[in-house]
Amino acid sequence: MEPDEPRTEVLDTPPPAEWEDPKPRYFGVTPHGLAAMLAAFAFGAGIVLLVSGYMLAGVLLLVAAALLALIWAEQARRSRATAFDRVTAAAFDHTRALAGFTGSSVRAWTTAGRETTRLRLEVNRLAKRRSQLQYALGGAAYAGDDAESARLRDELRAVDERIRACVARANEVVEEMRRTTARERLAVAPTEVRPPDEHR
């Protein structure tokens, strides 16, 4: 070995770092199991009190049971430590997604309903105006007033065009709401996992 040649030394590698995911805690304590037990107890006691005739106390215990169950479900959704937690979290997430889909669908169809009702009322008004114009056109044609007949024919064509535009717009609104609902439905549809050979 030459005197100026660098020397290689064997070093011990440090152990790999261990990471721990922090768990969210309410008031410094994770009340996962405790919240479930208290919710079950409050629910049972609330039912017993309601049957016994103590309405106010029973209702208060049922409300407390619902709040504790929500705390437990949220903790189960976050931790997903056990199989029961995973099932509960999946049901909770699906219920929230379904509620969001229902709300957006109701809003979309309510908006579409208002718009189509407005368009329908306008078409009815235009149809009455069209009848009046036809009656007036008949009178002008019978009287031989060519200028008035031409003016009434032009106005009648404009009314017909507006009626066609209203009907087309109503169809567009309904189609837009169907597309919106279809997009929202995809968000709550279960994911399908298919083996690669099924795509061939």
N, C-alpha and C. Protein backbone atom coordinates (compact mmCIF):
# COMPACT_ATOMS: atom_id res chain seq x y z
N MET A 1 0.85 -1.19 0.00
CA MET A 1 0.00 0.00 0.00
C MET A 1 0.89 1.24 0.00
N GLU A 2 0.60 2.16 -0.92
CA GLU A 2 1.38 3.38 -1.04
C GLU A 2 1.07 4.31 0.14
N PRO A 3 2.04 5.12 0.61
CA PRO A 3 1.80 5.99 1.76
C PRO A 3 0.76 7.07 1.50
N ASP A 4 0.65 7.58 0.25
CA ASP A 4 -0.33 8.65 0.00
C ASP A 4 -1.68 8.11 -0.51
N GLU A 5 -1.87 6.80 -0.56
CA GLU A 5 -3.14 6.22 -1.02
C GLU A 5 -4.17 6.34 0.09
N PRO A 6 -5.42 6.79 -0.23
CA PRO A 6 -6.42 6.93 0.84
C PRO A 6 -6.81 5.58 1.42
N ARG A 7 -7.09 5.59 2.70
CA ARG A 7 -7.47 4.35 3.39
C ARG A 7 -8.98 4.28 3.51
N THR A 8 -9.52 3.08 3.37
CA THR A 8 -10.95 2.85 3.51
C THR A 8 -11.21 2.21 4.86
N GLU A 9 -12.19 2.80 5.57
CA GLU A 9 -12.53 2.26 6.87
C GLU A 9 -13.97 1.76 6.85
N VAL A 10 -14.25 0.71 7.59
CA VAL A 10 -15.59 0.16 7.70
C VAL A 10 -16.27 0.82 8.88
N LEU A 11 -17.44 1.44 8.62
CA LEU A 11 -18.20 2.11 9.68
C LEU A 11 -19.51 1.37 9.91
N ASP A 12 -19.94 1.40 11.13
CA ASP A 12 -21.25 0.80 11.44
C ASP A 12 -22.35 1.76 11.00
N THR A 13 -23.37 1.22 10.30
CA THR A 13 -24.49 2.07 9.87
C THR A 13 -25.47 2.23 11.02
N PRO A 14 -26.00 3.43 11.17
CA PRO A 14 -26.97 3.62 12.26
C PRO A 14 -28.28 2.87 11.94
N PRO A 15 -29.02 2.51 12.96
CA PRO A 15 -30.30 1.81 12.70
C PRO A 15 -31.28 2.74 11.99
N PRO A 16 -32.19 2.18 11.19
CA PRO A 16 -33.15 3.05 10.49
C PRO A 16 -34.06 3.79 11.47
N ALA A 17 -34.43 4.99 11.08
CA ALA A 17 -35.29 5.81 11.95
C ALA A 17 -36.69 5.21 12.03
N GLU A 18 -37.27 5.27 13.19
CA GLU A 18 -38.63 4.78 13.39
C GLU A 18 -39.56 5.98 13.50
N TRP A 19 -40.66 5.92 12.75
CA TRP A 19 -41.61 7.01 12.72
C TRP A 19 -42.88 6.57 13.40
N GLU A 20 -43.47 7.49 14.07
CA GLU A 20 -44.75 7.19 14.72
C GLU A 20 -45.74 8.26 14.32
N ASP A 21 -46.90 7.83 13.81
CA ASP A 21 -47.93 8.78 13.43
C ASP A 21 -48.63 9.29 14.69
N PRO A 22 -48.71 10.61 14.85
CA PRO A 22 -49.42 11.12 16.04
C PRO A 22 -50.91 10.86 15.92
N LYS A 23 -51.50 10.45 17.01
CA LYS A 23 -52.93 10.20 17.06
C LYS A 23 -53.64 11.44 17.61
N PRO A 24 -54.72 11.89 16.95
CA PRO A 24 -55.43 13.05 17.49
C PRO A 24 -56.09 12.70 18.82
N ARG A 25 -56.09 13.64 19.73
CA ARG A 25 -56.67 13.40 21.05
C ARG A 25 -57.61 14.54 21.40
N TYR A 26 -58.69 14.19 22.06
CA TYR A 26 -59.63 15.18 22.55
C TYR A 26 -59.36 15.42 24.03
N PHE A 27 -59.08 16.64 24.38
CA PHE A 27 -58.79 17.04 25.76
C PHE A 27 -57.65 16.23 26.36
N GLY A 28 -56.68 15.83 25.52
CA GLY A 28 -55.51 15.13 26.03
C GLY A 28 -55.68 13.63 26.16
N VAL A 29 -56.87 13.09 25.98
CA VAL A 29 -57.11 11.66 26.15
C VAL A 29 -57.87 11.17 24.92
N THR A 30 -57.48 10.01 24.41
CA THR A 30 -58.22 9.44 23.28
C THR A 30 -59.37 8.61 23.83
N PRO A 31 -60.61 9.08 23.72
CA PRO A 31 -61.74 8.40 24.38
C PRO A 31 -62.41 7.36 23.48
N HIS A 32 -61.61 6.63 22.71
CA HIS A 32 -62.18 5.74 21.71
C HIS A 32 -63.10 4.69 22.33
N GLY A 33 -62.55 3.81 23.15
CA GLY A 33 -63.37 2.77 23.77
C GLY A 33 -64.34 3.34 24.79
N LEU A 34 -63.89 4.32 25.55
CA LEU A 34 -64.73 4.93 26.57
C LEU A 34 -65.96 5.60 25.95
N ALA A 35 -65.76 6.27 24.82
CA ALA A 35 -66.89 6.94 24.14
C ALA A 35 -67.90 5.91 23.66
N ALA A 36 -67.43 4.77 23.16
CA ALA A 36 -68.36 3.73 22.69
C ALA A 36 -69.16 3.16 23.85
N MET A 37 -68.49 2.89 24.97
CA MET A 37 -69.21 2.33 26.14
C MET A 37 -70.21 3.34 26.70
N LEU A 38 -69.79 4.59 26.81
CA LEU A 38 -70.70 5.61 27.33
C LEU A 38 -71.89 5.84 26.40
N ALA A 39 -71.64 5.79 25.07
CA ALA A 39 -72.74 5.95 24.12
C ALA A 39 -73.74 4.82 24.25
N ALA A 40 -73.25 3.59 24.38
CA ALA A 40 -74.15 2.43 24.53
C ALA A 40 -74.94 2.54 25.84
N PHE A 41 -74.25 2.92 26.92
CA PHE A 41 -74.93 3.05 28.21
C PHE A 41 -75.98 4.16 28.16
N ALA A 42 -75.62 5.33 27.61
CA ALA A 42 -76.56 6.45 27.54
C ALA A 42 -77.76 6.10 26.66
N PHE A 43 -77.52 5.37 25.57
CA PHE A 43 -78.63 4.97 24.71
C PHE A 43 -79.59 4.03 25.44
N GLY A 44 -79.03 3.02 26.12
CA GLY A 44 -79.89 2.09 26.86
C GLY A 44 -80.66 2.78 27.97
N ALA A 45 -79.96 3.64 28.73
CA ALA A 45 -80.62 4.35 29.82
C ALA A 45 -81.67 5.32 29.28
N GLY A 46 -81.40 5.95 28.15
CA GLY A 46 -82.38 6.86 27.55
C GLY A 46 -83.64 6.14 27.13
N ILE A 47 -83.49 4.96 26.53
CA ILE A 47 -84.67 4.18 26.13
C ILE A 47 -85.48 3.77 27.36
N VAL A 48 -84.78 3.30 28.42
CA VAL A 48 -85.47 2.89 29.65
C VAL A 48 -86.23 4.07 30.25
N LEU A 49 -85.61 5.25 30.28
CA LEU A 49 -86.27 6.42 30.85
C LEU A 49 -87.46 6.86 30.00
N LEU A 50 -87.34 6.77 28.68
CA LEU A 50 -88.48 7.12 27.83
C LEU A 50 -89.65 6.18 28.06
N VAL A 51 -89.35 4.89 28.17
CA VAL A 51 -90.43 3.91 28.41
C VAL A 51 -91.04 4.13 29.79
N SER A 52 -90.22 4.54 30.75
CA SER A 52 -90.73 4.77 32.11
C SER A 52 -91.52 6.06 32.24
N GLY A 53 -91.47 6.90 31.24
CA GLY A 53 -92.25 8.14 31.30
C GLY A 53 -91.43 9.38 31.61
N TYR A 54 -90.13 9.24 31.83
CA TYR A 54 -89.28 10.40 32.08
C TYR A 54 -88.77 10.93 30.73
N MET A 55 -89.63 11.70 30.06
CA MET A 55 -89.34 12.10 28.69
C MET A 55 -88.11 12.99 28.57
N LEU A 56 -88.02 14.05 29.38
CA LEU A 56 -86.92 15.00 29.26
C LEU A 56 -85.57 14.33 29.50
N ALA A 57 -85.47 13.56 30.59
CA ALA A 57 -84.20 12.88 30.90
C ALA A 57 -83.87 11.86 29.81
N GLY A 58 -84.88 11.16 29.30
CA GLY A 58 -84.64 10.17 28.25
C GLY A 58 -84.13 10.81 26.97
N VAL A 59 -84.75 11.93 26.59
CA VAL A 59 -84.33 12.63 25.37
C VAL A 59 -82.91 13.17 25.53
N LEU A 60 -82.60 13.73 26.71
CA LEU A 60 -81.25 14.25 26.94
C LEU A 60 -80.21 13.13 26.86
N LEU A 61 -80.51 11.97 27.42
CA LEU A 61 -79.57 10.86 27.34
C LEU A 61 -79.41 10.35 25.90
N LEU A 62 -80.49 10.35 25.15
CA LEU A 62 -80.38 9.93 23.74
C LEU A 62 -79.53 10.92 22.93
N VAL A 63 -79.68 12.22 23.21
CA VAL A 63 -78.85 13.22 22.53
C VAL A 63 -77.39 13.02 22.91
N ALA A 64 -77.14 12.78 24.22
CA ALA A 64 -75.75 12.53 24.66
C ALA A 64 -75.20 11.28 24.00
N ALA A 65 -76.03 10.24 23.86
CA ALA A 65 -75.58 9.01 23.21
C ALA A 65 -75.23 9.27 21.75
N ALA A 66 -76.02 10.09 21.07
CA ALA A 66 -75.73 10.40 19.67
C ALA A 66 -74.42 11.17 19.54
N LEU A 67 -74.19 12.14 20.44
CA LEU A 67 -72.94 12.90 20.39
C LEU A 67 -71.73 12.02 20.68
N LEU A 68 -71.85 11.15 21.67
CA LEU A 68 -70.75 10.24 21.98
C LEU A 68 -70.50 9.26 20.84
N ALA A 69 -71.57 8.81 20.20
CA ALA A 69 -71.41 7.91 19.06
C ALA A 69 -70.71 8.62 17.91
N LEU A 70 -71.01 9.91 17.71
CA LEU A 70 -70.31 10.67 16.66
C LEU A 70 -68.82 10.82 16.98
N ILE A 71 -68.50 11.06 18.25
CA ILE A 71 -67.09 11.16 18.65
C ILE A 71 -66.40 9.82 18.39
N TRP A 72 -67.06 8.73 18.78
CA TRP A 72 -66.47 7.41 18.58
C TRP A 72 -66.30 7.12 17.09
N ALA A 73 -67.31 7.45 16.28
CA ALA A 73 -67.23 7.17 14.84
C ALA A 73 -66.11 7.99 14.19
N GLU A 74 -65.95 9.24 14.62
CA GLU A 74 -64.87 10.07 14.07
C GLU A 74 -63.50 9.51 14.45
N GLN A 75 -63.37 9.06 15.71
CA GLN A 75 -62.11 8.46 16.14
C GLN A 75 -61.84 7.16 15.39
N ALA A 76 -62.89 6.36 15.17
CA ALA A 76 -62.73 5.11 14.41
C ALA A 76 -62.33 5.42 12.97
N ARG A 77 -62.91 6.47 12.41
CA ARG A 77 -62.58 6.85 11.03
C ARG A 77 -61.13 7.30 10.91
N ARG A 78 -60.63 7.96 11.95
CA ARG A 78 -59.25 8.44 11.91
C ARG A 78 -58.25 7.31 12.17
N SER A 79 -58.54 6.45 13.14
CA SER A 79 -57.55 5.45 13.52
C SER A 79 -57.59 4.20 12.63
N ARG A 80 -58.78 3.65 12.39
CA ARG A 80 -58.95 2.42 11.60
C ARG A 80 -58.04 1.31 12.12
N ALA A 81 -57.95 1.22 13.47
CA ALA A 81 -57.04 0.27 14.08
C ALA A 81 -57.56 -1.16 14.01
N THR A 82 -58.85 -1.36 14.21
CA THR A 82 -59.41 -2.71 14.20
C THR A 82 -60.32 -2.89 12.99
N ALA A 83 -60.72 -4.14 12.75
CA ALA A 83 -61.62 -4.42 11.63
C ALA A 83 -62.95 -3.71 11.83
N PHE A 84 -63.43 -3.68 13.08
CA PHE A 84 -64.70 -3.01 13.37
C PHE A 84 -64.58 -1.51 13.11
N ASP A 85 -63.42 -0.93 13.46
CA ASP A 85 -63.18 0.49 13.17
C ASP A 85 -63.20 0.75 11.67
N ARG A 86 -62.59 -0.16 10.90
CA ARG A 86 -62.56 0.03 9.45
C ARG A 86 -63.95 -0.06 8.84
N VAL A 87 -64.76 -1.02 9.33
CA VAL A 87 -66.14 -1.14 8.83
C VAL A 87 -66.95 0.11 9.19
N THR A 88 -66.78 0.56 10.44
CA THR A 88 -67.49 1.77 10.88
C THR A 88 -67.05 2.98 10.07
N ALA A 89 -65.74 3.10 9.84
CA ALA A 89 -65.23 4.25 9.07
C ALA A 89 -65.75 4.21 7.65
N ALA A 90 -65.78 3.01 7.04
CA ALA A 90 -66.30 2.91 5.67
C ALA A 90 -67.77 3.29 5.62
N ALA A 91 -68.56 2.82 6.60
CA ALA A 91 -69.99 3.17 6.63
C ALA A 91 -70.18 4.67 6.86
N PHE A 92 -69.37 5.25 7.74
CA PHE A 92 -69.45 6.67 8.04
C PHE A 92 -69.10 7.50 6.80
N ASP A 93 -68.01 7.12 6.12
CA ASP A 93 -67.61 7.85 4.91
C ASP A 93 -68.66 7.71 3.81
N HIS A 94 -69.21 6.50 3.66
CA HIS A 94 -70.23 6.29 2.62
C HIS A 94 -71.49 7.11 2.93
N THR A 95 -71.87 7.16 4.21
CA THR A 95 -73.05 7.94 4.59
C THR A 95 -72.83 9.42 4.32
N ARG A 96 -71.65 9.93 4.64
CA ARG A 96 -71.35 11.34 4.36
C ARG A 96 -71.36 11.63 2.87
N ALA A 97 -70.77 10.72 2.09
CA ALA A 97 -70.76 10.91 0.64
C ALA A 97 -72.18 10.86 0.07
N LEU A 98 -72.99 9.93 0.60
CA LEU A 98 -74.37 9.82 0.13
C LEU A 98 -75.18 11.06 0.50
N ALA A 99 -74.94 11.59 1.70
CA ALA A 99 -75.63 12.82 2.11
C ALA A 99 -75.22 13.99 1.21
N GLY A 100 -73.93 14.07 0.88
CA GLY A 100 -73.48 15.12 -0.03
C GLY A 100 -74.09 14.98 -1.42
N PHE A 101 -74.17 13.73 -1.91
CA PHE A 101 -74.78 13.49 -3.22
C PHE A 101 -76.25 13.87 -3.21
N THR A 102 -76.97 13.49 -2.14
CA THR A 102 -78.39 13.82 -2.04
C THR A 102 -78.60 15.32 -2.00
N GLY A 103 -77.79 16.01 -1.19
CA GLY A 103 -77.94 17.47 -1.10
C GLY A 103 -77.66 18.16 -2.42
N SER A 104 -76.58 17.75 -3.10
CA SER A 104 -76.27 18.40 -4.38
C SER A 104 -77.31 18.07 -5.44
N SER A 105 -77.85 16.84 -5.40
CA SER A 105 -78.89 16.48 -6.37
C SER A 105 -80.16 17.30 -6.13
N VAL A 106 -80.54 17.44 -4.86
CA VAL A 106 -81.74 18.23 -4.55
C VAL A 106 -81.55 19.68 -4.97
N ARG A 107 -80.37 20.24 -4.69
CA ARG A 107 -80.11 21.62 -5.10
C ARG A 107 -80.15 21.77 -6.62
N ALA A 108 -79.52 20.81 -7.32
CA ALA A 108 -79.48 20.89 -8.78
C ALA A 108 -80.88 20.80 -9.37
N TRP A 109 -81.68 19.83 -8.89
CA TRP A 109 -83.01 19.67 -9.46
C TRP A 109 -83.96 20.79 -9.04
N THR A 110 -83.73 21.38 -7.86
CA THR A 110 -84.55 22.52 -7.45
C THR A 110 -84.27 23.71 -8.38
N THR A 111 -82.98 23.94 -8.66
CA THR A 111 -82.62 25.02 -9.58
C THR A 111 -83.21 24.77 -10.97
N ALA A 112 -83.10 23.52 -11.43
CA ALA A 112 -83.65 23.17 -12.75
C ALA A 112 -85.16 23.33 -12.76
N GLY A 113 -85.81 22.94 -11.66
CA GLY A 113 -87.27 23.07 -11.59
C GLY A 113 -87.72 24.51 -11.66
N ARG A 114 -87.00 25.39 -10.95
CA ARG A 114 -87.35 26.82 -11.00
C ARG A 114 -87.19 27.37 -12.41
N GLU A 115 -86.07 27.00 -13.06
CA GLU A 115 -85.81 27.52 -14.41
C GLU A 115 -86.83 26.99 -15.42
N THR A 116 -87.13 25.68 -15.35
CA THR A 116 -88.11 25.13 -16.30
C THR A 116 -89.51 25.68 -16.04
N THR A 117 -89.86 25.94 -14.79
CA THR A 117 -91.16 26.54 -14.49
C THR A 117 -91.25 27.95 -15.08
N ARG A 118 -90.15 28.72 -14.93
CA ARG A 118 -90.14 30.07 -15.51
C ARG A 118 -90.30 30.01 -17.03
N LEU A 119 -89.58 29.06 -17.64
CA LEU A 119 -89.66 28.93 -19.10
C LEU A 119 -91.06 28.47 -19.54
N ARG A 120 -91.65 27.56 -18.77
CA ARG A 120 -93.00 27.09 -19.11
C ARG A 120 -94.02 28.23 -19.04
N LEU A 121 -93.90 29.07 -18.00
CA LEU A 121 -94.81 30.21 -17.89
C LEU A 121 -94.62 31.18 -19.05
N GLU A 122 -93.36 31.36 -19.45
CA GLU A 122 -93.12 32.25 -20.58
C GLU A 122 -93.70 31.68 -21.87
N VAL A 123 -93.58 30.35 -22.06
CA VAL A 123 -94.15 29.73 -23.25
C VAL A 123 -95.67 29.88 -23.26
N ASN A 124 -96.31 29.72 -22.09
CA ASN A 124 -97.77 29.90 -22.01
C ASN A 124 -98.17 31.33 -22.38
N ARG A 125 -97.40 32.31 -21.87
CA ARG A 125 -97.70 33.70 -22.18
C ARG A 125 -97.51 33.96 -23.68
N LEU A 126 -96.43 33.40 -24.25
CA LEU A 126 -96.19 33.58 -25.68
C LEU A 126 -97.25 32.87 -26.52
N ALA A 127 -97.74 31.73 -26.05
CA ALA A 127 -98.78 31.02 -26.80
C ALA A 127 -100.07 31.85 -26.84
N LYS A 128 -100.39 32.52 -25.73
CA LYS A 128 -101.57 33.41 -25.73
C LYS A 128 -101.37 34.57 -26.69
N ARG A 129 -100.16 35.14 -26.65
CA ARG A 129 -99.87 36.25 -27.56
C ARG A 129 -99.94 35.78 -29.01
N ARG A 130 -99.49 34.55 -29.28
CA ARG A 130 -99.54 34.00 -30.63
C ARG A 130 -100.98 33.87 -31.12
N SER A 131 -101.87 33.43 -30.23
CA SER A 131 -103.28 33.32 -30.60
C SER A 131 -103.87 34.69 -30.95
N GLN A 132 -103.50 35.71 -30.14
CA GLN A 132 -103.99 37.06 -30.42
C GLN A 132 -103.48 37.56 -31.77
N LEU A 133 -102.21 37.28 -32.05
CA LEU A 133 -101.63 37.72 -33.33
C LEU A 133 -102.29 37.01 -34.51
N GLN A 134 -102.56 35.72 -34.35
CA GLN A 134 -103.22 34.99 -35.44
C GLN A 134 -104.62 35.56 -35.71
N TYR A 135 -105.34 35.88 -34.64
CA TYR A 135 -106.68 36.46 -34.79
C TYR A 135 -106.60 37.81 -35.50
N ALA A 136 -105.60 38.63 -35.06
CA ALA A 136 -105.44 39.95 -35.69
C ALA A 136 -104.98 39.82 -37.14
N LEU A 137 -104.15 38.82 -37.44
CA LEU A 137 -103.69 38.60 -38.80
C LEU A 137 -104.84 38.20 -39.73
N GLY A 138 -105.72 37.38 -39.20
CA GLY A 138 -106.90 37.01 -39.99
C GLY A 138 -107.76 38.22 -40.32
N GLY A 139 -107.94 39.11 -39.31
CA GLY A 139 -108.72 40.33 -39.53
C GLY A 139 -108.07 41.25 -40.55
N ALA A 140 -106.72 41.39 -40.46
CA ALA A 140 -106.01 42.26 -41.40
C ALA A 140 -106.06 41.69 -42.81
N ALA A 141 -105.93 40.37 -42.93
CA ALA A 141 -105.99 39.74 -44.25
C ALA A 141 -107.39 39.88 -44.86
N TYR A 142 -108.41 39.73 -44.04
CA TYR A 142 -109.79 39.87 -44.53
C TYR A 142 -110.06 41.31 -44.98
N ALA A 143 -109.49 42.30 -44.23
CA ALA A 143 -109.70 43.70 -44.58
C ALA A 143 -108.83 44.13 -45.77
N GLY A 144 -107.87 43.29 -46.17
CA GLY A 144 -107.01 43.62 -47.30
C GLY A 144 -105.90 44.58 -46.94
N ASP A 145 -105.56 44.71 -45.65
CA ASP A 145 -104.49 45.61 -45.20
C ASP A 145 -103.16 44.86 -45.28
N ASP A 146 -102.45 45.04 -46.42
CA ASP A 146 -101.22 44.28 -46.64
C ASP A 146 -100.10 44.69 -45.68
N ALA A 147 -99.99 45.97 -45.36
CA ALA A 147 -98.93 46.45 -44.47
C ALA A 147 -99.11 45.87 -43.07
N GLU A 148 -100.34 45.90 -42.57
CA GLU A 148 -100.63 45.35 -41.23
C GLU A 148 -100.43 43.84 -41.23
N SER A 149 -100.82 43.18 -42.30
CA SER A 149 -100.63 41.73 -42.39
C SER A 149 -99.15 41.37 -42.33
N ALA A 150 -98.33 42.14 -43.06
CA ALA A 150 -96.89 41.87 -43.06
C ALA A 150 -96.29 42.09 -41.68
N ARG A 151 -96.71 43.18 -41.00
CA ARG A 151 -96.20 43.45 -39.65
C ARG A 151 -96.59 42.35 -38.68
N LEU A 152 -97.86 41.90 -38.76
CA LEU A 152 -98.33 40.84 -37.86
C LEU A 152 -97.64 39.51 -38.15
N ARG A 153 -97.36 39.23 -39.44
CA ARG A 153 -96.64 37.99 -39.77
C ARG A 153 -95.22 38.01 -39.19
N ASP A 154 -94.56 39.17 -39.28
CA ASP A 154 -93.20 39.28 -38.71
C ASP A 154 -93.22 39.09 -37.19
N GLU A 155 -94.22 39.70 -36.52
CA GLU A 155 -94.33 39.55 -35.07
C GLU A 155 -94.65 38.11 -34.70
N LEU A 156 -95.48 37.46 -35.50
CA LEU A 156 -95.84 36.06 -35.26
C LEU A 156 -94.61 35.16 -35.41
N ARG A 157 -93.77 35.44 -36.41
CA ARG A 157 -92.54 34.66 -36.58
C ARG A 157 -91.60 34.85 -35.38
N ALA A 158 -91.51 36.09 -34.88
CA ALA A 158 -90.66 36.36 -33.72
C ALA A 158 -91.15 35.60 -32.49
N VAL A 159 -92.49 35.56 -32.30
CA VAL A 159 -93.05 34.83 -31.17
C VAL A 159 -92.77 33.33 -31.31
N ASP A 160 -92.94 32.79 -32.52
CA ASP A 160 -92.65 31.37 -32.74
C ASP A 160 -91.18 31.05 -32.44
N GLU A 161 -90.29 31.95 -32.86
CA GLU A 161 -88.86 31.74 -32.61
C GLU A 161 -88.56 31.75 -31.12
N ARG A 162 -89.22 32.68 -30.40
CA ARG A 162 -88.99 32.75 -28.94
C ARG A 162 -89.53 31.50 -28.25
N ILE A 163 -90.67 30.98 -28.70
CA ILE A 163 -91.21 29.75 -28.11
C ILE A 163 -90.23 28.59 -28.34
N ARG A 164 -89.68 28.48 -29.56
CA ARG A 164 -88.71 27.42 -29.84
C ARG A 164 -87.47 27.57 -28.96
N ALA A 165 -87.01 28.82 -28.74
CA ALA A 165 -85.83 29.05 -27.90
C ALA A 165 -86.10 28.65 -26.45
N CYS A 166 -87.31 28.95 -25.95
CA CYS A 166 -87.66 28.58 -24.58
C CYS A 166 -87.70 27.06 -24.40
N VAL A 167 -88.28 26.36 -25.37
CA VAL A 167 -88.35 24.90 -25.30
C VAL A 167 -86.95 24.30 -25.36
N ALA A 168 -86.09 24.84 -26.25
CA ALA A 168 -84.72 24.34 -26.35
C ALA A 168 -83.95 24.58 -25.05
N ARG A 169 -84.14 25.77 -24.45
CA ARG A 169 -83.45 26.09 -23.19
C ARG A 169 -83.92 25.17 -22.07
N ALA A 170 -85.22 24.88 -22.01
CA ALA A 170 -85.73 23.96 -20.98
C ALA A 170 -85.11 22.58 -21.13
N ASN A 171 -84.98 22.11 -22.36
CA ASN A 171 -84.33 20.81 -22.58
C ASN A 171 -82.86 20.83 -22.18
N GLU A 172 -82.18 21.96 -22.44
CA GLU A 172 -80.77 22.09 -22.04
C GLU A 172 -80.63 22.05 -20.52
N VAL A 173 -81.53 22.75 -19.82
CA VAL A 173 -81.47 22.78 -18.35
C VAL A 173 -81.63 21.38 -17.78
N VAL A 174 -82.60 20.64 -18.29
CA VAL A 174 -82.82 19.28 -17.79
C VAL A 174 -81.61 18.40 -18.09
N GLU A 175 -81.04 18.55 -19.27
CA GLU A 175 -79.87 17.74 -19.63
C GLU A 175 -78.67 18.11 -18.77
N GLU A 176 -78.48 19.39 -18.47
CA GLU A 176 -77.39 19.82 -17.59
C GLU A 176 -77.54 19.21 -16.20
N MET A 177 -78.76 19.19 -15.68
CA MET A 177 -78.98 18.61 -14.35
C MET A 177 -78.75 17.11 -14.36
N ARG A 178 -79.10 16.45 -15.45
CA ARG A 178 -78.83 15.00 -15.54
C ARG A 178 -77.32 14.73 -15.55
N ARG A 179 -76.58 15.57 -16.27
CA ARG A 179 -75.13 15.39 -16.30
C ARG A 179 -74.51 15.65 -14.93
N THR A 180 -75.01 16.70 -14.24
CA THR A 180 -74.51 17.02 -12.90
C THR A 180 -74.79 15.87 -11.94
N THR A 181 -76.00 15.33 -11.99
CA THR A 181 -76.35 14.22 -11.11
C THR A 181 -75.50 12.99 -11.43
N ALA A 182 -75.25 12.73 -12.70
CA ALA A 182 -74.41 11.58 -13.07
C ALA A 182 -72.99 11.75 -12.55
N ARG A 183 -72.44 12.98 -12.61
CA ARG A 183 -71.10 13.22 -12.08
C ARG A 183 -71.07 13.01 -10.57
N GLU A 184 -72.09 13.53 -9.88
CA GLU A 184 -72.14 13.37 -8.43
C GLU A 184 -72.32 11.91 -8.04
N ARG A 185 -73.05 11.15 -8.84
CA ARG A 185 -73.29 9.74 -8.55
C ARG A 185 -71.98 8.95 -8.61
N LEU A 186 -71.05 9.38 -9.48
CA LEU A 186 -69.75 8.69 -9.56
C LEU A 186 -68.97 8.80 -8.25
N ALA A 187 -69.17 9.91 -7.53
CA ALA A 187 -68.44 10.10 -6.27
C ALA A 187 -68.86 9.11 -5.20
N VAL A 188 -70.10 8.62 -5.25
CA VAL A 188 -70.56 7.68 -4.22
C VAL A 188 -70.61 6.25 -4.72
N ALA A 189 -70.27 6.04 -5.99
CA ALA A 189 -70.28 4.67 -6.52
C ALA A 189 -69.10 3.90 -5.94
N PRO A 190 -69.31 2.61 -5.62
CA PRO A 190 -68.19 1.83 -5.09
C PRO A 190 -67.12 1.62 -6.16
N THR A 191 -65.87 1.62 -5.72
CA THR A 191 -64.76 1.41 -6.63
C THR A 191 -64.66 -0.07 -6.95
N GLU A 192 -64.55 -0.37 -8.23
CA GLU A 192 -64.42 -1.76 -8.65
C GLU A 192 -62.96 -2.04 -8.97
N VAL A 193 -62.43 -3.11 -8.40
CA VAL A 193 -61.06 -3.54 -8.68
C VAL A 193 -61.16 -4.75 -9.61
N ARG A 194 -60.61 -4.62 -10.79
CA ARG A 194 -60.67 -5.71 -11.77
C ARG A 194 -59.26 -6.22 -12.06
N PRO A 195 -59.12 -7.53 -12.21
CA PRO A 195 -57.81 -8.06 -12.61
C PRO A 195 -57.45 -7.57 -14.01
N PRO A 196 -56.15 -7.50 -14.32
CA PRO A 196 -55.75 -6.95 -15.62
C PRO A 196 -56.29 -7.73 -16.81
N ASP A 197 -56.52 -9.06 -16.68
CA ASP A 197 -56.97 -9.83 -17.83
C ASP A 197 -58.40 -9.51 -18.23
N GLU A 198 -59.19 -8.87 -17.33
CA GLU A 198 -60.56 -8.52 -17.67
C GLU A 198 -60.62 -7.35 -18.64
N HIS A 199 -59.55 -6.56 -18.73
CA HIS A 199 -59.57 -5.39 -19.61
C HIS A 199 -59.23 -5.76 -21.05
N ARG A 200 -58.79 -6.98 -21.26
CA ARG A 200 -58.40 -7.37 -22.62
C ARG A 200 -59.60 -7.84 -23.42
